[in-house]
Amino acid sequence: MSAEPRRSVVVTGVGVLSAFGRGPFLLEQGLRQGRSALAPLRAFPPLGLPLQVAAEVDSPLFDAPDFPDDRKASLAFAAVDDAVAAAGAPSLTAAGVWLGTGLSTVTVRELNEDVMPYVRDGVLDRVAVDADLHRDRVAPRRHLPERVTAAVARRVGALGPQSTSFSACAAGAQAIANAAWAIRRGEVNIAIAGGHDSMIHPLGVLSFIVLGALSPTTCRPFDHGRDGFVIGEGAAMFVLEEESAALARGATIWARLLGAGNSTDAHNATAPHPEGAGAALSMRRALLDARLPASAVQHVNAHGTGTPLGDAAEANAIRQVIGAEVPVSSIKGAVGHCIAAAGAVEAAACVLAARGGWSFGTAGLSDPAPLGVNARVDPAEDAPQVLLSNSFGFGGQNTTLLIGAPGFTPS
């Protein structure tokens, strides 16, 4: 008995800001050439922290009037504008908006500016706070993770459902998965989906130093000498559509969102399950969702943070589910770890690879560790039809996306 036909989800527009610059083709150029955009830290003085490099976005950002001085919002708005333009500026009235984001950029100055005006004689004045909780007032809502999702919906005029994923480093990928599932269910025909984040500030960096997750020098995914990731920032946004609706309006299909899977390790607040149990489950669920065998996957974009435990656990999971021969790479040595935006930025890389007939290598990898996977150093012009992309967050939150070339059809 054959499976029932179902609604197909396609990518019709991409906007991305990364350390390579603004625009998907700068990301493609950098990855296709095997370059790294990691550079000496410029956002703030090192302050004695063991940190030398970062992956910062240099390009001019959109000035987000709703959120002055909010870098994360600026990244999101710029990527949304670019994605909508790339999709041919479709009507978004019925669209849904699904975004992934991370911890707010909280500094001592911001906390003082936001909180102290409401303190009277050492007590928080709730009446004053309630009076200012108005849609036109930004400061009291500055640190709410869903605020940018709502602002994006207003900006593009989207009246459909909206949702914000706050699942650490899996958030951007999880938002894309949720949007794709909503399209497949028939809830919407078009959606804005992606992730945005910037934690390149003292408190953000310090939090990862305390966890022992940052490398003081560079990111070396799957390498013998790996000692942590380099923090990055960025945003990637997609216009996702139901295929027949996209074709009816003459849209160009960049790639296909074939399937997705989620799981939770239920193991440790910061360390992955050593055998990669949750990661393997996420990949299996994505394959099941896509109705594809593991043999269909021709390239794996690993979460690949360059941490000793994380890479080993993920390699175990990949070997269990996909096997030891399929090429595996990570772009975090090129664009850093974009935290909540990582899954979205990496999904953009997979879309570009599927569309352009190439696959990326692993910047920073020079001495592959014996982890039992085929860790690829250099990019290749190998025309992968199906790419699997992993995103794993602290706390064991896992999301896997399966991305297909525009012309891919299951055999």
Protein backbone atom coordinates (compact mmCIF):
# COMPACT_ATOMS: atom_id res chain seq x y z
CA MET A 1 0.00 0.00 0.00
CA SER A 2 1.59 3.28 -1.11
CA ALA A 3 1.90 6.29 1.17
CA GLU A 4 -0.69 8.99 0.69
CA PRO A 5 0.48 12.05 -1.27
CA ARG A 6 1.11 15.04 0.91
CA ARG A 7 1.87 18.71 0.62
CA SER A 8 5.47 19.48 -0.32
CA VAL A 9 7.42 22.32 1.30
CA VAL A 10 9.87 24.36 -0.76
CA VAL A 11 12.26 27.23 -0.10
CA THR A 12 11.57 30.24 -2.33
CA GLY A 13 13.65 32.93 -0.64
CA VAL A 14 16.72 33.15 1.58
CA GLY A 15 18.26 36.01 3.53
CA VAL A 16 21.38 35.49 5.60
CA LEU A 17 23.89 37.55 7.54
CA SER A 18 27.05 35.83 8.68
CA ALA A 19 30.66 36.70 9.37
CA PHE A 20 31.16 36.49 5.59
CA GLY A 21 28.78 39.44 5.17
CA ARG A 22 25.21 40.16 4.17
CA GLY A 23 23.61 37.96 1.56
CA PRO A 24 23.48 34.24 0.75
CA PHE A 25 25.99 34.45 -2.04
CA LEU A 26 28.73 35.82 0.22
CA LEU A 27 28.14 32.81 2.47
CA GLU A 28 28.23 30.50 -0.54
CA GLN A 29 31.41 32.07 -1.89
CA GLY A 30 33.22 31.79 1.44
CA LEU A 31 32.22 28.19 2.04
CA ARG A 32 32.78 27.10 -1.54
CA GLN A 33 36.31 28.50 -1.36
CA GLY A 34 36.97 26.81 1.97
CA ARG A 35 37.71 30.08 3.77
CA SER A 36 37.20 31.03 7.40
CA ALA A 37 35.67 34.34 8.51
CA LEU A 38 36.96 34.09 12.08
CA ALA A 39 38.88 37.23 13.03
CA PRO A 40 40.31 39.04 16.06
CA LEU A 41 37.59 40.13 18.49
CA ARG A 42 36.44 43.70 17.85
CA ALA A 43 33.07 44.03 19.62
CA PHE A 44 34.57 44.85 23.02
CA PRO A 45 37.97 44.87 24.77
CA PRO A 46 39.04 41.36 25.85
CA LEU A 47 38.72 42.39 29.53
CA GLY A 48 41.24 39.75 30.51
CA LEU A 49 39.01 36.95 29.20
CA PRO A 50 40.71 34.02 27.43
CA LEU A 51 39.25 35.03 24.09
CA GLN A 52 41.07 36.20 20.99
CA VAL A 53 38.73 35.60 18.06
CA ALA A 54 35.07 35.81 17.11
CA ALA A 55 32.89 35.62 14.00
CA GLU A 56 31.28 39.06 13.84
CA VAL A 57 29.01 40.50 11.15
CA ASP A 58 30.67 43.49 9.49
CA SER A 59 28.03 44.50 6.98
CA PRO A 60 25.72 47.45 7.66
CA LEU A 61 22.66 46.24 9.47
CA PHE A 62 19.07 47.31 9.14
CA ASP A 63 18.23 50.01 11.67
CA ALA A 64 15.39 48.44 13.67
CA PRO A 65 13.40 51.44 14.92
CA ASP A 66 11.29 49.28 17.26
CA PHE A 67 14.44 48.11 19.03
CA PRO A 68 17.18 50.76 19.04
CA ASP A 69 20.64 49.41 19.80
CA ASP A 70 19.36 45.82 19.62
CA ARG A 71 21.78 43.95 17.40
CA LYS A 72 19.76 40.72 17.37
CA ALA A 73 16.67 42.52 16.09
CA SER A 74 18.72 44.31 13.44
CA LEU A 75 20.11 41.01 12.21
CA ALA A 76 16.64 39.49 12.03
CA PHE A 77 15.05 42.40 10.19
CA ALA A 78 17.84 42.55 7.60
CA ALA A 79 17.59 38.82 6.90
CA VAL A 80 13.79 38.94 6.63
CA ASP A 81 13.92 41.86 4.20
CA ASP A 82 16.42 40.00 2.02
CA ALA A 83 14.48 36.72 2.10
CA VAL A 84 11.22 38.37 1.10
CA ALA A 85 12.94 40.26 -1.73
CA ALA A 86 14.62 37.06 -2.94
CA ALA A 87 11.24 35.32 -3.00
CA GLY A 88 9.83 37.99 -5.30
CA ALA A 89 7.97 39.94 -2.60
CA PRO A 90 4.98 37.60 -2.34
CA SER A 91 1.84 38.53 -0.45
CA LEU A 92 2.41 37.62 3.20
CA THR A 93 -0.99 38.54 4.61
CA ALA A 94 -1.82 34.89 5.32
CA ALA A 95 1.73 33.93 6.29
CA GLY A 96 2.85 32.54 9.61
CA VAL A 97 6.09 33.57 11.31
CA TRP A 98 8.31 31.09 13.14
CA LEU A 99 11.59 32.38 14.57
CA GLY A 100 14.28 30.94 16.81
CA THR A 101 16.22 33.19 19.14
CA GLY A 102 18.42 33.07 22.21
CA LEU A 103 19.14 34.84 25.44
CA SER A 104 18.66 38.58 25.41
CA THR A 105 21.68 40.83 25.13
CA VAL A 106 21.57 41.97 28.73
CA THR A 107 24.23 44.36 29.95
CA VAL A 108 24.50 46.15 33.27
CA ARG A 109 23.67 49.42 31.51
CA GLU A 110 20.56 47.94 29.89
CA LEU A 111 19.36 46.46 33.15
CA ASN A 112 19.87 49.80 34.87
CA GLU A 113 18.05 51.69 32.13
CA ASP A 114 15.15 49.24 32.04
CA VAL A 115 14.64 48.54 35.72
CA MET A 116 15.76 51.50 37.81
CA PRO A 117 13.12 53.98 36.55
CA TYR A 118 10.50 51.70 38.09
CA VAL A 119 12.13 51.44 41.53
CA ARG A 120 10.61 53.64 44.24
CA ASP A 121 12.27 53.65 47.67
CA GLY A 122 13.92 50.33 46.93
CA VAL A 123 10.69 48.66 45.77
CA LEU A 124 9.62 47.87 42.21
CA ASP A 125 6.59 50.03 41.35
CA ARG A 126 4.28 47.54 39.61
CA VAL A 127 1.76 50.25 38.73
CA ALA A 128 4.40 52.13 36.75
CA VAL A 129 5.53 48.95 35.02
CA ASP A 130 1.97 48.00 34.06
CA ALA A 131 1.34 51.48 32.68
CA ASP A 132 4.31 51.12 30.34
CA LEU A 133 3.48 47.63 29.04
CA HIS A 134 2.14 49.04 25.82
CA ARG A 135 2.93 47.91 22.27
CA ASP A 136 4.54 51.26 21.49
CA ARG A 137 6.91 51.06 24.43
CA VAL A 138 10.00 48.97 23.80
CA ALA A 139 12.09 49.05 26.96
CA PRO A 140 9.92 46.90 29.27
CA ARG A 141 9.69 44.24 26.52
CA ARG A 142 13.31 44.40 25.47
CA HIS A 143 14.25 41.06 26.98
CA LEU A 144 11.21 39.02 25.94
CA PRO A 145 12.36 36.41 23.40
CA GLU A 146 9.18 36.61 21.31
CA ARG A 147 9.31 40.38 20.80
CA VAL A 148 11.18 40.23 17.48
CA THR A 149 8.85 37.55 16.09
CA ALA A 150 5.91 39.86 16.71
CA ALA A 151 7.77 42.80 15.18
CA VAL A 152 8.64 40.78 12.05
CA ALA A 153 4.98 39.79 11.65
CA ARG A 154 3.99 43.46 11.85
CA ARG A 155 6.73 44.45 9.42
CA VAL A 156 5.66 42.03 6.67
CA GLY A 157 1.94 42.24 7.46
CA ALA A 158 1.62 38.57 8.37
CA LEU A 159 -1.71 37.74 10.01
CA GLY A 160 -1.11 34.00 10.38
CA PRO A 161 0.17 32.11 13.41
CA GLN A 162 3.46 33.07 15.01
CA SER A 163 5.73 31.18 17.34
CA THR A 164 9.16 31.64 18.92
CA SER A 165 11.55 28.77 19.62
CA PHE A 166 13.86 29.30 22.55
CA SER A 167 15.66 25.95 22.54
CA ALA A 168 19.26 27.15 22.75
CA CYS A 169 21.43 26.17 19.78
CA ALA A 170 18.60 24.18 18.18
CA ALA A 171 16.20 27.15 18.10
CA GLY A 172 16.67 28.30 14.50
CA ALA A 173 16.39 24.80 13.07
CA GLN A 174 13.41 24.04 15.30
CA ALA A 175 11.59 27.14 14.04
CA ILE A 176 12.15 26.03 10.44
CA ALA A 177 10.85 22.56 11.26
CA ASN A 178 7.75 23.94 12.95
CA ALA A 179 6.99 26.20 9.98
CA ALA A 180 7.43 23.35 7.51
CA TRP A 181 5.10 21.12 9.49
CA ALA A 182 2.47 23.87 9.62
CA ILE A 183 2.61 24.15 5.82
CA ARG A 184 2.39 20.40 5.42
CA ARG A 185 -0.64 20.25 7.73
CA GLY A 186 -2.37 22.89 5.61
CA GLU A 187 -2.37 25.48 8.37
CA VAL A 188 -0.65 28.00 6.07
CA ASN A 189 0.63 28.03 2.50
CA ILE A 190 3.51 30.41 3.16
CA ALA A 191 5.73 31.17 6.13
CA ILE A 192 8.68 33.22 7.29
CA ALA A 193 11.03 31.01 9.30
CA GLY A 194 14.56 31.19 10.62
CA GLY A 195 16.78 32.22 13.49
CA HIS A 196 18.73 35.21 14.76
CA ASP A 197 21.18 35.72 17.60
CA SER A 198 24.14 37.73 18.84
CA MET A 199 25.90 36.92 22.09
CA ILE A 200 29.21 38.61 21.32
CA HIS A 201 29.19 40.73 24.46
CA PRO A 202 30.96 40.26 27.81
CA LEU A 203 28.14 38.48 29.63
CA GLY A 204 27.40 36.19 26.70
CA VAL A 205 31.04 35.25 26.21
CA LEU A 206 31.60 34.76 29.94
CA SER A 207 28.70 32.31 30.15
CA PHE A 208 30.36 30.01 27.62
CA ILE A 209 33.80 30.42 29.20
CA VAL A 210 32.32 29.26 32.51
CA LEU A 211 30.95 26.18 30.72
CA GLY A 212 34.39 25.49 29.24
CA ALA A 213 32.93 25.57 25.74
CA LEU A 214 34.99 28.32 24.05
CA SER A 215 38.34 27.92 22.33
CA PRO A 216 40.71 30.83 22.98
CA THR A 217 42.14 30.54 19.46
CA THR A 218 40.06 28.82 16.77
CA CYS A 219 37.38 26.21 16.10
CA ARG A 220 38.57 22.77 14.95
CA PRO A 221 35.56 20.50 14.43
CA PHE A 222 36.39 16.76 14.49
CA ASP A 223 40.11 17.53 14.88
CA HIS A 224 42.58 15.91 17.29
CA GLY A 225 43.30 19.36 18.73
CA ARG A 226 39.72 20.56 19.12
CA ASP A 227 39.18 22.56 22.31
CA GLY A 228 35.87 24.37 21.87
CA PHE A 229 34.00 26.70 19.56
CA VAL A 230 34.42 30.33 18.54
CA ILE A 231 31.38 32.47 19.20
CA GLY A 232 29.63 33.94 16.19
CA GLU A 233 26.51 35.90 15.38
CA GLY A 234 24.10 36.08 12.50
CA ALA A 235 20.66 35.46 11.14
CA ALA A 236 19.11 33.41 8.37
CA MET A 237 15.50 33.70 7.26
CA PHE A 238 13.55 31.70 4.71
CA VAL A 239 10.36 32.04 2.79
CA LEU A 240 8.83 28.57 2.87
CA GLU A 241 5.85 27.71 0.68
CA GLU A 242 3.61 24.85 -0.29
CA GLU A 243 4.99 23.77 -3.66
CA SER A 244 1.90 24.07 -5.84
CA ALA A 245 1.13 27.53 -4.44
CA ALA A 246 4.71 28.62 -5.08
CA LEU A 247 4.64 27.36 -8.66
CA ALA A 248 1.27 28.99 -9.27
CA ARG A 249 2.74 32.40 -8.54
CA GLY A 250 5.85 31.68 -10.63
CA ALA A 251 8.28 31.44 -7.71
CA THR A 252 11.78 30.05 -8.09
CA ILE A 253 12.44 26.99 -5.95
CA TRP A 254 15.79 27.19 -4.18
CA ALA A 255 15.53 23.85 -2.39
CA ARG A 256 13.12 21.45 -0.71
CA LEU A 257 12.45 20.98 2.99
CA LEU A 258 12.02 17.21 2.94
CA GLY A 259 11.61 16.44 6.62
CA ALA A 260 12.58 17.24 10.18
CA GLY A 261 12.94 15.56 13.54
CA ASN A 262 13.17 16.66 17.17
CA SER A 263 14.33 14.87 20.29
CA THR A 264 15.63 15.50 23.79
CA ASP A 265 18.60 13.79 25.43
CA ALA A 266 17.11 13.87 28.96
CA HIS A 267 20.69 13.34 30.11
CA ASN A 268 22.55 16.42 31.35
CA ALA A 269 22.11 20.20 31.45
CA THR A 270 25.26 20.87 29.41
CA ALA A 271 26.92 17.62 28.29
CA PRO A 272 25.54 15.51 25.43
CA HIS A 273 24.65 11.87 25.84
CA PRO A 274 28.03 10.14 25.25
CA GLU A 275 26.58 7.70 22.72
CA GLY A 276 24.60 10.42 20.98
CA ALA A 277 21.29 8.72 21.77
CA GLY A 278 19.15 11.85 21.45
CA ALA A 279 21.01 13.01 18.35
CA ALA A 280 20.49 9.64 16.69
CA LEU A 281 16.78 9.73 17.53
CA SER A 282 16.46 13.21 16.00
CA MET A 283 18.06 12.00 12.76
CA ARG A 284 15.90 8.88 12.62
CA ARG A 285 12.77 10.94 13.15
CA ALA A 286 13.78 13.32 10.34
CA LEU A 287 14.27 10.40 7.95
CA LEU A 288 10.92 8.94 8.98
CA ASP A 289 9.26 12.31 8.50
CA ALA A 290 10.81 12.64 5.03
CA ARG A 291 9.92 9.04 4.14
CA LEU A 292 13.53 8.48 3.12
CA PRO A 293 16.06 5.74 3.92
CA ALA A 294 19.38 6.68 5.50
CA SER A 295 21.05 5.74 2.21
CA ALA A 296 19.43 8.78 0.56
CA VAL A 297 21.60 11.18 2.59
CA GLN A 298 24.64 12.27 0.59
CA HIS A 299 26.11 14.85 2.97
CA VAL A 300 25.84 15.59 6.68
CA ASN A 301 26.16 19.12 8.01
CA ALA A 302 27.14 18.30 11.58
CA HIS A 303 26.39 20.48 14.58
CA GLY A 304 30.17 20.08 14.92
CA THR A 305 31.04 22.62 17.60
CA GLY A 306 34.64 21.52 18.02
CA THR A 307 34.17 20.54 21.66
CA PRO A 308 35.78 17.23 22.68
CA LEU A 309 32.60 15.66 24.06
CA GLY A 310 30.15 17.15 21.57
CA ASP A 311 31.94 16.04 18.40
CA ALA A 312 32.53 12.53 19.75
CA ALA A 313 28.88 12.09 20.73
CA GLU A 314 27.62 13.41 17.39
CA ALA A 315 30.03 11.18 15.48
CA ASN A 316 28.62 8.19 17.36
CA ALA A 317 25.10 9.21 16.38
CA ILE A 318 25.95 9.81 12.72
CA ARG A 319 27.70 6.46 12.48
CA GLN A 320 24.69 4.68 14.01
CA VAL A 321 22.13 6.26 11.70
CA ILE A 322 23.85 7.31 8.47
CA GLY A 323 26.99 5.18 8.46
CA ALA A 324 30.70 5.83 8.35
CA GLU A 325 31.17 6.67 4.66
CA VAL A 326 28.91 9.66 4.00
CA PRO A 327 30.87 12.95 4.01
CA VAL A 328 30.46 14.94 7.22
CA SER A 329 31.44 18.57 7.71
CA SER A 330 30.83 21.55 9.99
CA ILE A 331 30.78 25.23 9.04
CA LYS A 332 31.45 26.49 12.58
CA GLY A 333 35.15 26.79 11.79
CA ALA A 334 34.13 29.25 9.06
CA VAL A 335 31.30 31.33 10.59
CA GLY A 336 31.60 30.50 14.28
CA HIS A 337 28.83 29.18 16.46
CA CYS A 338 25.87 31.49 15.90
CA ILE A 339 24.10 29.97 18.95
CA ALA A 340 20.30 30.20 18.45
CA ALA A 341 20.85 31.25 14.82
CA ALA A 342 23.28 28.41 14.08
CA GLY A 343 20.71 25.95 12.76
CA ALA A 344 19.21 28.56 10.45
CA VAL A 345 22.55 29.82 9.10
CA GLU A 346 23.63 26.23 8.52
CA ALA A 347 20.32 25.40 6.85
CA ALA A 348 21.03 28.31 4.50
CA ALA A 349 24.41 26.75 3.69
CA CYS A 350 22.66 23.45 2.92
CA VAL A 351 20.08 25.18 0.72
CA LEU A 352 22.85 26.90 -1.23
CA ALA A 353 24.79 23.65 -1.58
CA ALA A 354 21.73 21.72 -2.75
CA ARG A 355 20.87 24.47 -5.21
CA GLY A 356 24.41 24.95 -6.52
CA GLY A 357 25.58 21.34 -6.71
CA TRP A 358 28.45 21.53 -4.23
CA SER A 359 29.13 20.69 -0.59
CA PHE A 360 31.25 22.40 2.03
CA GLY A 361 34.29 21.24 3.93
CA THR A 362 35.36 21.94 7.50
CA ALA A 363 37.49 25.03 8.07
CA GLY A 364 39.88 24.49 10.97
CA LEU A 365 40.10 20.72 10.46
CA SER A 366 43.65 19.62 9.65
CA ASP A 367 44.23 16.49 11.73
CA PRO A 368 41.01 14.44 11.81
CA ALA A 369 40.43 12.56 15.04
CA PRO A 370 39.55 8.84 14.79
CA LEU A 371 35.84 9.32 15.45
CA GLY A 372 34.55 6.80 12.93
CA VAL A 373 33.03 9.26 10.45
CA ASN A 374 34.17 10.60 7.09
CA ALA A 375 35.04 14.14 8.21
CA ARG A 376 35.58 16.23 5.10
CA VAL A 377 38.28 18.91 5.11
CA ASP A 378 37.77 20.54 1.70
CA PRO A 379 34.66 21.60 -0.23
CA ALA A 380 33.64 19.48 -3.21
CA GLU A 381 31.62 19.88 -6.40
CA ASP A 382 29.71 16.65 -5.82
CA ALA A 383 26.08 17.71 -6.43
CA PRO A 384 24.43 16.29 -3.29
CA GLN A 385 20.71 15.73 -3.71
CA VAL A 386 19.90 15.30 -0.01
CA LEU A 387 21.71 16.97 2.88
CA LEU A 388 21.08 16.31 6.56
CA SER A 389 21.68 19.18 8.99
CA ASN A 390 21.99 18.71 12.76
CA SER A 391 21.47 21.33 15.47
CA PHE A 392 21.91 20.38 19.11
CA GLY A 393 21.34 22.74 22.03
CA PHE A 394 22.49 22.82 25.62
CA GLY A 395 20.15 20.75 27.72
CA GLY A 396 19.96 18.07 25.04
CA GLN A 397 17.54 19.77 22.65
CA ASN A 398 18.03 18.29 19.18
CA THR A 399 16.67 19.13 15.74
CA THR A 400 17.55 17.60 12.38
CA LEU A 401 16.53 19.00 8.99
CA LEU A 402 16.61 17.18 5.65
CA ILE A 403 17.13 19.50 2.68
CA GLY A 404 16.83 18.43 -0.93
CA ALA A 405 17.95 19.86 -4.25
CA PRO A 406 15.25 21.71 -6.24
CA GLY A 407 14.81 18.82 -8.66
CA PHE A 408 15.05 15.99 -6.13
CA THR A 409 12.32 13.36 -6.25
CA PRO A 410 12.43 10.24 -4.06
CA SER A 411 13.09 7.08 -6.05
